[in-house]
Protein backbone atom coordinates (compact mmCIF):
# COMPACT_ATOMS: atom_id res chain seq x y z
CA MET A 1 0.00 0.00 0.00
CA ARG A 2 2.84 2.41 0.87
CA ASN A 3 4.55 1.91 -2.56
CA ASN A 4 1.31 2.57 -4.35
CA ILE A 5 1.15 6.01 -2.68
CA LEU A 6 4.80 6.96 -3.49
CA LEU A 7 4.75 6.10 -7.23
CA PRO A 8 2.15 8.72 -8.28
CA ALA A 9 3.95 11.37 -6.24
CA LEU A 10 7.30 10.60 -7.89
CA PHE A 11 5.74 10.66 -11.35
CA ALA A 12 4.10 14.04 -10.67
CA GLY A 13 7.45 15.45 -9.52
CA PHE A 14 9.13 14.24 -12.68
CA LEU A 15 6.52 15.97 -14.85
CA LEU A 16 6.93 19.21 -12.86
CA LEU A 17 10.72 19.12 -13.33
CA ALA A 18 10.42 18.46 -17.08
CA GLY A 19 8.02 21.34 -17.43
CA CYS A 20 10.43 23.69 -15.65
CA GLU A 21 13.28 22.64 -17.95
CA LYS A 22 11.08 23.20 -20.97
CA ASN A 23 10.14 26.66 -19.76
CA MET A 24 13.85 27.46 -19.45
CA GLU A 25 14.30 27.08 -23.25
CA PRO A 26 14.59 30.54 -24.99
CA GLN A 27 11.33 31.58 -26.54
CA PRO A 28 10.81 33.59 -29.74
CA GLY A 29 10.38 37.30 -29.19
CA THR A 30 12.00 40.66 -29.81
CA ILE A 31 15.46 41.69 -28.65
CA THR A 32 17.55 44.80 -29.06
CA PRO A 33 18.80 44.54 -32.66
CA PRO A 34 22.51 43.79 -32.88
CA VAL A 35 24.93 45.88 -34.92
CA ILE A 36 26.56 43.88 -37.69
CA PHE A 37 29.56 44.68 -39.85
CA ALA A 38 30.44 42.66 -42.95
CA ASP A 39 33.94 43.23 -44.33
CA ASP A 40 34.06 46.37 -42.16
CA SER A 41 30.90 47.76 -43.81
CA SER A 42 27.87 48.49 -41.68
CA CYS A 43 24.86 46.30 -42.45
CA TYR A 44 21.46 47.93 -42.90
CA LEU A 45 18.56 46.46 -40.95
CA ASP A 46 15.06 46.31 -42.38
CA MET A 47 12.97 45.95 -39.25
CA ALA A 48 9.86 44.71 -41.05
CA SER A 49 11.61 41.68 -42.51
CA ALA A 50 14.31 41.37 -39.81
CA THR A 51 16.88 41.36 -42.61
CA TYR A 52 20.39 42.82 -42.54
CA SER A 53 21.74 43.82 -45.93
CA VAL A 54 25.14 45.01 -47.03
CA THR A 55 26.46 46.06 -50.44
CA LEU A 56 30.12 45.36 -51.07
CA PRO A 57 30.57 47.07 -54.46
CA THR A 58 33.83 45.43 -55.52
CA THR A 59 33.31 41.95 -54.01
CA THR A 60 32.56 39.12 -56.40
CA ASP A 61 33.49 36.17 -54.14
CA PHE A 62 31.25 36.09 -51.06
CA SER A 63 32.39 32.69 -49.78
CA GLN A 64 34.61 34.08 -46.98
CA ILE A 65 33.34 37.39 -45.64
CA PRO A 66 34.57 38.58 -42.22
CA VAL A 67 31.57 39.48 -40.06
CA LYS A 68 31.63 41.26 -36.69
CA PHE A 69 28.87 41.75 -34.13
CA ALA A 70 28.10 44.33 -31.47
CA THR A 71 25.57 42.66 -29.17
CA ASP A 72 25.15 41.13 -25.73
CA ALA A 73 23.31 38.19 -27.22
CA ARG A 74 24.61 34.73 -28.02
CA ILE A 75 24.86 34.18 -31.78
CA MET A 76 23.90 30.87 -33.33
CA LEU A 77 24.30 29.73 -36.94
CA GLY A 78 22.35 26.50 -36.90
CA GLU A 79 23.98 24.41 -34.13
CA ILE A 80 27.21 26.46 -34.18
CA GLU A 81 27.72 29.31 -31.75
CA LEU A 82 29.66 32.21 -33.27
CA ALA A 83 32.11 34.41 -31.41
CA LYS A 84 30.93 37.96 -30.82
CA THR A 85 34.35 39.17 -31.91
CA GLY A 86 33.55 37.92 -35.37
CA ALA A 87 33.53 35.03 -37.79
CA THR A 88 34.23 34.33 -41.43
CA LEU A 89 30.96 33.42 -43.14
CA ASP A 90 29.86 32.24 -46.56
CA LEU A 91 27.43 34.94 -47.73
CA SER A 92 27.02 33.58 -51.23
CA SER A 93 23.40 33.12 -50.22
CA PRO A 94 21.45 34.62 -47.30
CA LEU A 95 22.05 33.18 -43.81
CA THR A 96 19.71 32.96 -40.84
CA LEU A 97 21.34 33.94 -37.54
CA ARG A 98 19.69 33.40 -34.15
CA PHE A 99 20.46 35.93 -31.42
CA ILE A 100 19.64 34.69 -27.90
CA LEU A 101 19.33 37.13 -25.04
CA GLY A 102 18.22 35.65 -21.72
CA LYS A 103 15.03 33.70 -22.28
CA THR A 104 14.28 35.33 -25.66
CA TYR A 105 15.63 34.73 -29.13
CA GLN A 106 15.09 36.47 -32.45
CA ASP A 107 16.11 35.27 -35.91
CA PHE A 108 17.62 37.70 -38.42
CA THR A 109 18.57 37.18 -42.05
CA LEU A 110 21.98 38.39 -43.23
CA ARG A 111 22.47 38.96 -46.96
CA ALA A 112 25.26 40.53 -49.01
CA GLU A 113 25.48 41.69 -52.61
CA ASN A 114 27.56 43.77 -54.99
CA THR A 115 26.28 46.45 -57.38
CA GLY A 116 25.54 43.92 -60.11
CA LEU A 117 28.24 45.39 -62.37
CA PRO A 118 31.52 43.84 -63.51
CA VAL A 119 34.58 44.73 -61.45
CA VAL A 120 37.74 45.91 -63.22
CA ARG A 121 40.93 45.62 -61.15
CA ILE A 122 43.97 47.51 -62.42
CA GLN A 123 47.47 47.44 -60.96
CA THR A 124 50.13 49.87 -62.15
CA PRO A 125 53.84 50.00 -61.25
CA ALA A 126 53.54 53.72 -60.44
CA PRO A 127 50.85 56.45 -60.40
CA VAL A 128 49.49 57.34 -63.84
CA THR A 129 50.35 61.01 -64.34
CA SER A 130 50.64 61.40 -68.11
CA LYS A 131 48.17 61.31 -70.97
CA GLU A 132 50.98 61.35 -73.55
CA ASN A 133 53.23 58.51 -72.40
CA TRP A 134 52.16 54.90 -72.05
CA MET A 135 53.04 53.20 -68.76
CA GLU A 136 53.99 49.62 -69.39
CA GLY A 137 53.86 46.74 -66.93
CA ALA A 138 50.29 47.30 -65.75
CA SER A 139 47.82 44.47 -65.28
CA ILE A 140 44.06 44.19 -65.60
CA ARG A 141 41.58 41.64 -64.28
CA ILE A 142 37.87 41.78 -65.11
CA GLU A 143 35.42 39.86 -62.93
CA LEU A 144 31.75 39.38 -63.60
CA PRO A 145 29.36 40.00 -60.67
CA ASP A 146 29.21 36.25 -59.94
CA GLY A 147 33.00 36.04 -59.64
CA THR A 148 33.69 34.57 -63.07
CA VAL A 149 36.93 35.96 -64.49
CA ASP A 150 36.11 37.51 -67.85
CA TYR A 151 39.65 38.57 -68.73
CA GLU A 152 43.07 38.83 -67.11
CA GLY A 153 46.28 40.06 -68.68
CA LYS A 154 49.05 42.61 -69.01
CA MET A 155 48.64 46.04 -70.56
CA SER A 156 49.89 49.61 -70.89
CA ILE A 157 47.92 52.58 -69.57
CA ARG A 158 47.88 56.36 -69.83
CA GLY A 159 45.53 59.21 -69.11
CA ARG A 160 43.26 60.57 -71.81
CA GLY A 161 40.97 63.47 -72.66
CA ASN A 162 41.38 67.20 -73.05
CA SER A 163 39.59 69.05 -70.24
CA THR A 164 38.52 65.76 -68.62
CA TRP A 165 42.12 64.78 -67.78
CA ASN A 166 42.27 67.78 -65.43
CA TYR A 167 39.24 66.65 -63.40
CA PRO A 168 39.59 64.87 -60.03
CA LYS A 169 38.16 61.63 -61.42
CA LYS A 170 40.53 60.65 -64.23
CA PRO A 171 39.71 58.88 -67.52
CA TYR A 172 42.18 56.36 -68.92
CA ALA A 173 43.27 54.77 -72.18
CA LEU A 174 44.20 51.08 -72.10
CA LYS A 175 46.33 49.07 -74.53
CA LEU A 176 46.30 45.33 -73.92
CA ASP A 177 49.49 43.40 -74.68
CA ALA A 178 47.44 41.17 -76.97
CA LYS A 179 44.05 41.53 -78.63
CA ALA A 180 41.27 40.18 -76.47
CA LYS A 181 37.51 39.96 -76.32
CA ILE A 182 36.29 41.56 -73.09
CA LEU A 183 32.80 41.74 -71.64
CA SER A 184 31.41 40.18 -74.84
CA MET A 185 32.83 42.99 -76.99
CA PRO A 186 34.85 42.08 -80.10
CA SER A 187 38.55 41.43 -79.73
CA HIS A 188 40.90 44.43 -79.78
CA LYS A 189 43.88 45.90 -77.94
CA ARG A 190 42.58 49.42 -77.40
CA TRP A 191 39.98 50.36 -74.79
CA VAL A 192 38.90 53.40 -72.81
CA LEU A 193 37.69 54.00 -69.25
CA LEU A 194 35.38 57.02 -69.27
CA ALA A 195 34.98 58.72 -65.89
CA ASN A 196 31.75 60.72 -66.53
CA TRP A 197 32.72 62.93 -63.60
CA LYS A 198 30.57 65.97 -64.42
CA ASP A 199 27.54 63.89 -65.32
CA ARG A 200 25.19 63.50 -62.34
CA THR A 201 23.33 60.76 -64.22
CA ILE A 202 26.60 59.05 -65.31
CA MET A 203 24.65 57.80 -68.34
CA ARG A 204 24.75 60.62 -70.89
CA ASN A 205 27.46 59.00 -73.02
CA GLU A 206 25.68 55.65 -72.98
CA ALA A 207 22.36 57.30 -73.85
CA ALA A 208 23.92 58.99 -76.90
CA PHE A 209 25.43 55.68 -77.99
CA TRP A 210 22.00 54.07 -77.65
CA LEU A 211 20.54 56.72 -79.98
CA SER A 212 23.37 56.07 -82.44
CA ARG A 213 22.61 52.34 -82.42
CA GLN A 214 18.98 53.02 -83.39
CA THR A 215 19.99 54.97 -86.50
CA GLY A 216 21.62 53.66 -89.61
CA LEU A 217 25.13 54.68 -88.57
CA PRO A 218 27.45 51.79 -89.46
CA TYR A 219 29.33 51.70 -86.16
CA THR A 220 28.60 52.72 -82.59
CA VAL A 221 31.03 52.45 -79.68
CA ARG A 222 30.23 49.47 -77.43
CA GLY A 223 30.68 49.69 -73.70
CA GLN A 224 29.62 48.57 -70.24
CA PHE A 225 29.43 50.23 -66.84
CA VAL A 226 31.89 48.76 -64.34
CA GLU A 227 33.25 49.23 -60.84
CA LEU A 228 36.91 50.24 -61.06
CA VAL A 229 39.47 49.19 -58.45
CA PHE A 230 42.72 51.06 -59.09
CA ASN A 231 45.77 49.80 -57.22
CA GLY A 232 43.55 48.28 -54.54
CA ARG A 233 41.30 51.31 -54.12
CA HIS A 234 37.70 51.50 -55.28
CA VAL A 235 37.44 54.61 -57.45
CA GLY A 236 33.81 54.37 -58.47
CA ASN A 237 31.70 53.78 -61.54
CA TYR A 238 33.39 53.91 -64.95
CA TYR A 239 32.28 53.18 -68.51
CA LEU A 240 34.61 50.65 -70.11
CA CYS A 241 34.25 51.02 -73.86
CA GLU A 242 35.90 50.65 -77.22
CA GLN A 243 38.29 53.31 -78.40
CA ILE A 244 37.42 54.68 -81.82
CA LYS A 245 39.93 52.94 -84.06
CA ILE A 246 40.08 51.58 -87.58
CA GLY A 247 39.23 47.87 -87.62
CA LYS A 248 36.77 45.40 -89.07
CA ASP A 249 34.76 45.37 -85.81
CA ARG A 250 35.11 49.12 -85.26
CA VAL A 251 35.40 51.83 -87.92
CA ASN A 252 35.59 49.60 -90.96
CA VAL A 253 37.88 51.63 -93.21
CA GLU A 254 39.72 49.89 -96.02
CA ASP A 255 43.48 50.15 -96.47
CA GLY A 256 44.40 53.61 -97.61
CA GLY A 257 41.42 55.24 -95.93
CA LEU A 258 41.44 57.83 -93.16
CA LEU A 259 39.91 58.15 -89.69
CA LEU A 260 39.28 61.86 -89.12
CA GLU A 261 38.22 64.24 -86.37
CA LEU A 262 36.90 67.77 -86.37
CA ASP A 263 37.88 69.42 -83.10
CA THR A 264 38.81 72.99 -82.29
CA TYR A 265 41.27 71.74 -79.70
CA PHE A 266 43.30 71.01 -82.86
CA ASP A 267 45.82 68.79 -81.08
CA GLU A 268 46.82 66.11 -83.59
CA VAL A 269 50.06 66.15 -85.60
CA ASN A 270 48.46 65.97 -89.05
CA ARG A 271 45.96 68.82 -89.09
CA PHE A 272 44.78 71.81 -91.08
CA TRP A 273 42.02 74.41 -91.11
CA SER A 274 40.01 74.21 -94.31
CA LYS A 275 39.87 77.41 -96.33
CA ASP A 276 36.24 78.03 -97.22
CA PHE A 277 34.40 76.54 -94.20
CA HIS A 278 37.19 77.03 -91.65
CA LEU A 279 36.92 73.53 -90.23
CA PRO A 280 39.64 72.01 -87.98
CA TRP A 281 40.49 68.77 -89.79
CA MET A 282 42.73 66.26 -88.04
CA VAL A 283 43.86 62.83 -89.20
CA LYS A 284 43.57 60.31 -86.34
CA GLU A 285 44.64 57.28 -88.36
CA PRO A 286 47.01 56.49 -89.94
CA ASP A 287 49.21 58.18 -87.35
CA GLU A 288 52.10 60.53 -88.09
CA GLU A 289 54.51 57.64 -88.57
CA GLU A 290 52.41 55.97 -91.27
CA LEU A 291 50.59 58.78 -93.07
CA THR A 292 52.65 59.95 -96.03
CA ALA A 293 52.93 63.57 -97.09
CA GLU A 294 51.37 62.62 -100.41
CA GLN A 295 48.30 61.12 -98.70
CA PHE A 296 47.88 64.15 -96.47
CA ASP A 297 48.23 66.62 -99.34
CA ALA A 298 45.79 64.61 -101.44
CA PHE A 299 43.21 64.73 -98.66
CA LYS A 300 43.59 68.49 -98.23
CA GLN A 301 43.06 68.94 -101.96
CA TRP A 302 40.02 66.64 -101.82
CA ILE A 303 38.49 68.76 -99.03
CA ALA A 304 39.14 71.91 -101.06
CA GLU A 305 37.27 70.39 -103.99
CA LEU A 306 34.34 69.43 -101.76
CA GLU A 307 34.14 72.87 -100.22
CA ALA A 308 34.22 74.49 -103.66
CA ILE A 309 31.06 72.56 -104.47
CA LEU A 310 29.37 73.35 -101.15
CA ARG A 311 29.95 77.10 -101.38
CA ASP A 312 28.16 77.16 -104.74
CA GLU A 313 24.40 76.83 -104.22
CA THR A 314 23.84 75.87 -107.84
CA ARG A 315 26.26 72.95 -107.57
CA VAL A 316 24.67 71.95 -104.25
CA LYS A 317 21.21 71.82 -105.79
CA ALA A 318 22.70 69.79 -108.62
CA HIS A 319 23.72 67.25 -105.93
CA GLU A 320 27.39 67.28 -106.90
CA TYR A 321 28.27 66.83 -103.21
CA THR A 322 26.83 63.32 -103.25
CA GLU A 323 30.01 62.19 -105.05
CA TYR A 324 31.93 63.24 -101.94
CA ILE A 325 29.57 62.86 -98.95
CA ASP A 326 27.59 59.83 -97.84
CA VAL A 327 24.21 61.46 -97.34
CA ASP A 328 22.57 58.91 -95.03
CA THR A 329 25.35 58.87 -92.40
CA ALA A 330 25.43 62.67 -92.50
CA ILE A 331 21.70 62.74 -91.80
CA ASP A 332 21.65 60.00 -89.14
CA PHE A 333 24.54 61.67 -87.34
CA LEU A 334 22.72 65.01 -87.45
CA ILE A 335 19.52 63.54 -86.02
CA ALA A 336 21.29 61.81 -83.13
CA GLN A 337 23.41 64.87 -82.31
CA GLU A 338 20.37 67.14 -82.31
CA LEU A 339 18.35 64.83 -80.06
CA THR A 340 21.09 65.11 -77.43
CA GLY A 341 21.23 68.89 -77.86
CA ASN A 342 25.01 68.49 -77.84
CA ASN A 343 26.74 71.83 -77.30
CA ASP A 344 29.98 70.35 -78.68
CA PHE A 345 28.26 69.82 -82.03
CA TYR A 346 28.81 73.55 -82.44
CA ASN A 347 30.94 75.14 -79.76
CA THR A 348 32.45 78.62 -79.58
CA TRP A 349 35.45 77.64 -77.47
CA PRO A 350 38.35 77.58 -78.08
CA ALA A 351 37.18 78.55 -81.59
CA ASP A 352 33.91 78.38 -83.51
CA GLY A 353 33.27 74.85 -84.65
CA PRO A 354 32.66 71.30 -83.49
CA HIS A 355 34.41 69.25 -80.83
CA SER A 356 34.84 65.48 -80.92
CA VAL A 357 33.19 64.96 -84.31
CA TYR A 358 34.51 61.84 -86.02
CA LEU A 359 34.34 61.04 -89.71
CA TYR A 360 36.10 58.64 -92.01
CA LYS A 361 36.96 58.51 -95.68
CA GLN A 362 37.21 55.36 -97.70
CA PRO A 363 40.15 55.21 -100.15
CA GLY A 364 39.05 56.80 -103.40
CA GLY A 365 35.56 57.05 -101.94
CA LYS A 366 33.19 59.17 -99.93
CA LEU A 367 33.28 60.94 -96.57
CA TYR A 368 31.18 59.18 -93.90
CA THR A 369 30.00 60.96 -90.76
CA GLY A 370 30.42 59.27 -87.38
CA PRO A 371 30.88 57.50 -85.06
CA MET A 372 29.37 59.44 -82.15
CA TRP A 373 31.59 60.44 -79.22
CA ASP A 374 31.78 62.66 -76.11
CA PHE A 375 28.42 63.48 -74.50
CA ASP A 376 29.09 63.60 -70.76
CA PHE A 377 28.16 67.27 -70.33
CA HIS A 378 26.37 70.07 -72.18
CA THR A 379 23.88 67.48 -73.44
CA PHE A 380 20.21 66.69 -72.70
CA LEU A 381 19.74 70.17 -71.21
CA PRO A 382 16.33 71.81 -70.63
CA GLY A 383 17.61 75.09 -72.09
CA ARG A 384 18.55 73.45 -75.40
CA THR A 385 15.25 71.77 -76.26
CA LYS A 386 13.84 74.47 -78.56
CA MET A 387 16.83 75.19 -80.77
CA TRP A 388 19.04 73.54 -83.35
CA ALA A 389 22.27 72.55 -81.64
CA GLY A 390 24.29 72.66 -84.86
CA ALA A 391 22.17 71.89 -87.91
CA THR A 392 22.09 75.51 -89.06
CA LYS A 393 25.67 76.46 -88.23
CA THR A 394 28.16 73.60 -88.02
CA MET A 395 30.24 71.60 -90.50
CA TYR A 396 28.66 71.36 -93.95
CA TYR A 397 25.04 71.21 -92.84
CA PRO A 398 24.11 74.86 -93.62
CA ALA A 399 25.23 74.28 -97.22
CA LEU A 400 23.54 70.88 -97.51
CA LEU A 401 20.25 72.27 -96.23
CA LYS A 402 20.08 74.50 -99.30
CA ASP A 403 19.31 71.38 -101.31
CA PRO A 404 15.58 70.48 -101.21
CA ASP A 405 16.49 66.85 -101.85
CA PHE A 406 18.72 66.76 -98.76
CA ARG A 407 15.95 68.29 -96.65
CA ALA A 408 13.44 65.79 -98.01
CA ARG A 409 15.77 62.90 -97.22
CA LEU A 410 16.28 64.29 -93.70
CA VAL A 411 12.52 64.35 -93.08
CA GLU A 412 12.19 60.87 -94.53
CA ARG A 413 14.89 59.50 -92.23
CA TRP A 414 13.34 61.25 -89.21
CA ASP A 415 9.90 59.84 -89.89
CA ALA A 416 11.33 56.36 -90.32
CA GLN A 417 13.30 56.46 -87.07
CA LYS A 418 11.55 58.82 -84.68
CA ASP A 419 9.35 56.30 -82.87
CA ARG A 420 12.30 53.98 -82.36
CA LEU A 421 14.46 56.86 -81.14
CA LYS A 422 11.79 57.89 -78.65
CA GLY A 423 12.43 54.53 -76.97
CA LEU A 424 15.41 56.16 -75.28
CA VAL A 425 13.00 57.00 -72.45
CA GLU A 426 12.55 53.32 -71.60
CA HIS A 427 16.27 52.71 -71.95
CA ILE A 428 17.01 55.53 -69.51
CA ASP A 429 14.59 53.96 -67.02
CA GLU A 430 16.40 50.63 -67.37
CA MET A 431 19.76 52.31 -66.86
CA GLU A 432 18.53 54.14 -63.77
CA GLU A 433 17.50 50.86 -62.17
CA LYS A 434 20.74 49.17 -63.19
CA LEU A 435 22.98 51.97 -61.92
CA ALA A 436 21.15 53.12 -58.79
CA VAL A 437 23.30 51.21 -56.29
CA SER A 438 26.59 51.85 -58.07
CA GLU A 439 25.80 55.54 -58.46
CA ARG A 440 25.34 55.90 -54.70
CA PHE A 441 28.87 54.71 -54.05
CA ASN A 442 30.26 56.70 -56.97
CA HIS A 443 28.68 59.94 -55.80
CA ALA A 444 30.01 59.41 -52.28
CA ILE A 445 33.52 59.04 -53.70
CA TRP A 446 33.20 61.82 -56.30
CA PRO A 447 30.70 64.47 -55.20
CA ILE A 448 30.32 67.25 -57.76
CA PRO A 449 31.29 70.60 -56.18
CA THR A 450 28.94 73.55 -56.34
CA THR A 451 31.43 75.34 -58.59
CA GLN A 452 30.57 72.88 -61.36
CA ASN A 453 27.33 73.69 -63.14
CA GLU A 454 27.66 72.20 -66.60
CA ASN A 455 24.39 70.28 -66.79
CA GLY A 456 22.35 72.11 -64.17
CA ASP A 457 21.65 68.93 -62.21
CA GLU A 458 24.85 68.55 -60.22
CA GLN A 459 23.33 69.31 -56.82
CA ILE A 460 20.15 67.26 -57.07
CA SER A 461 19.52 63.57 -56.50
CA PHE A 462 20.38 60.89 -59.03
CA HIS A 463 16.70 60.14 -59.64
CA ASP A 464 15.84 63.81 -60.13
CA ALA A 465 18.81 64.26 -62.48
CA VAL A 466 17.72 61.26 -64.55
CA THR A 467 14.15 62.58 -64.67
CA LEU A 468 15.37 66.00 -65.80
CA MET A 469 17.49 64.38 -68.52
CA LYS A 470 14.56 62.24 -69.67
CA ASN A 471 12.16 65.19 -69.80
CA SER A 472 14.69 67.28 -71.70
CA PHE A 473 15.05 64.55 -74.30
CA LEU A 474 11.28 64.24 -74.71
CA ALA A 475 10.95 68.00 -75.10
CA LYS A 476 13.65 68.07 -77.77
CA TRP A 477 12.11 65.09 -79.57
CA SER A 478 8.73 66.84 -79.71
CA TRP A 479 10.27 70.12 -80.85
CA MET A 480 12.20 68.37 -83.63
CA ASP A 481 9.10 66.52 -84.75
CA SER A 482 7.30 69.86 -85.11
CA ASN A 483 10.16 71.80 -86.71
CA ILE A 484 12.24 69.43 -88.83
CA ARG A 485 10.07 70.00 -91.91
CA ASN A 486 10.84 73.70 -91.76
CA LEU A 487 14.58 73.33 -91.26
CA ARG A 488 16.51 75.55 -93.68
């Protein structure tokens, strides 16, 4: 009888003890959020989703990221307790961390990402201080956002640009030791890193290239936005693109032809001002070591013959110029330039005339206009939406517009292309989404000082700058559609 009384009592005590132990287990709840650093960068907490996020702009391998914590809680990753002083974690995919404080725990997600752009890593044996002299012995490595190595090799590097070389954020010219295909662009040695320092949107050059691709121009520069790491230091968003060179996948000029530039900087070796139209002609290729005096003199004479036709309205209306000028590239180039409102299409400094206008001449053949280049400032401006940027005053266009047939062909080309060209609005929206994260880091590294006021958007947000650019383009498109038939 006595044992029968003790057994229920013992069993009840055992149940009471088990219940106490169970109640001692931490229960889900809310704790003071920890502070988390990943690779020394502060992680952002979204309270609603209990998710910490960090953007590491130049990281492409997330398999071993040092993470530190500032918290009084215990930190659990599954069954493993992490040290508060830090741990190396694989953040290739999001992790769930449990923070236990007293009798309460809360789970948080930790995720890491980059900007979604390729990362270009350049090492040089010394600082790059010259835009004239190539520095040999440099190396370049290009990684895709997922860590795949797109290209790695040796190269030479120098600065580039006229006014842009004097800006804080420097542009560069690259010459690979061997031709290579990079970022899905055709194989070549010569490439350019555009800084886009004055451009609050950082996309003006790319937008102009997009317009060029929608026209019938035979070649448009290809490029991609990248994160640039220069000698171990992240220096922001750059546009890695093709340099304008003669080649079958670039400016397809046959042997004996010329790659030309009109630019009032007038800084090439082989150059001359034309007599009748006072244009600053420069031969870009062949260079001074390959271009013979006979070739150069023959080209100058050819230009003189062309200008003799263009200064005579009767000969213009007789279409004699069509033996010298490819009409369709001249028109497509004009349309794209005007849609950007490019001030460099006709500039008054350092002398009246165009800047950065490329053309090419086939041997024994015609003069072709293009490719497009240099649109990072003085483009897509609200104040230039109800005017012709250069059609009535630059190059040979004032003479060509005296020919009714040229004007008719211009209207015909506009009508055929205008709806497609208006699609730039959607492309700008896509670029804004693609660049939003990268731009934030870039602007933190390279803020535009108040003394710079080239585009009128330098001191506003990225989104507002993009919207202003987009609205300016739409206004110019509408104005051109209403006025192109009356262009004289």
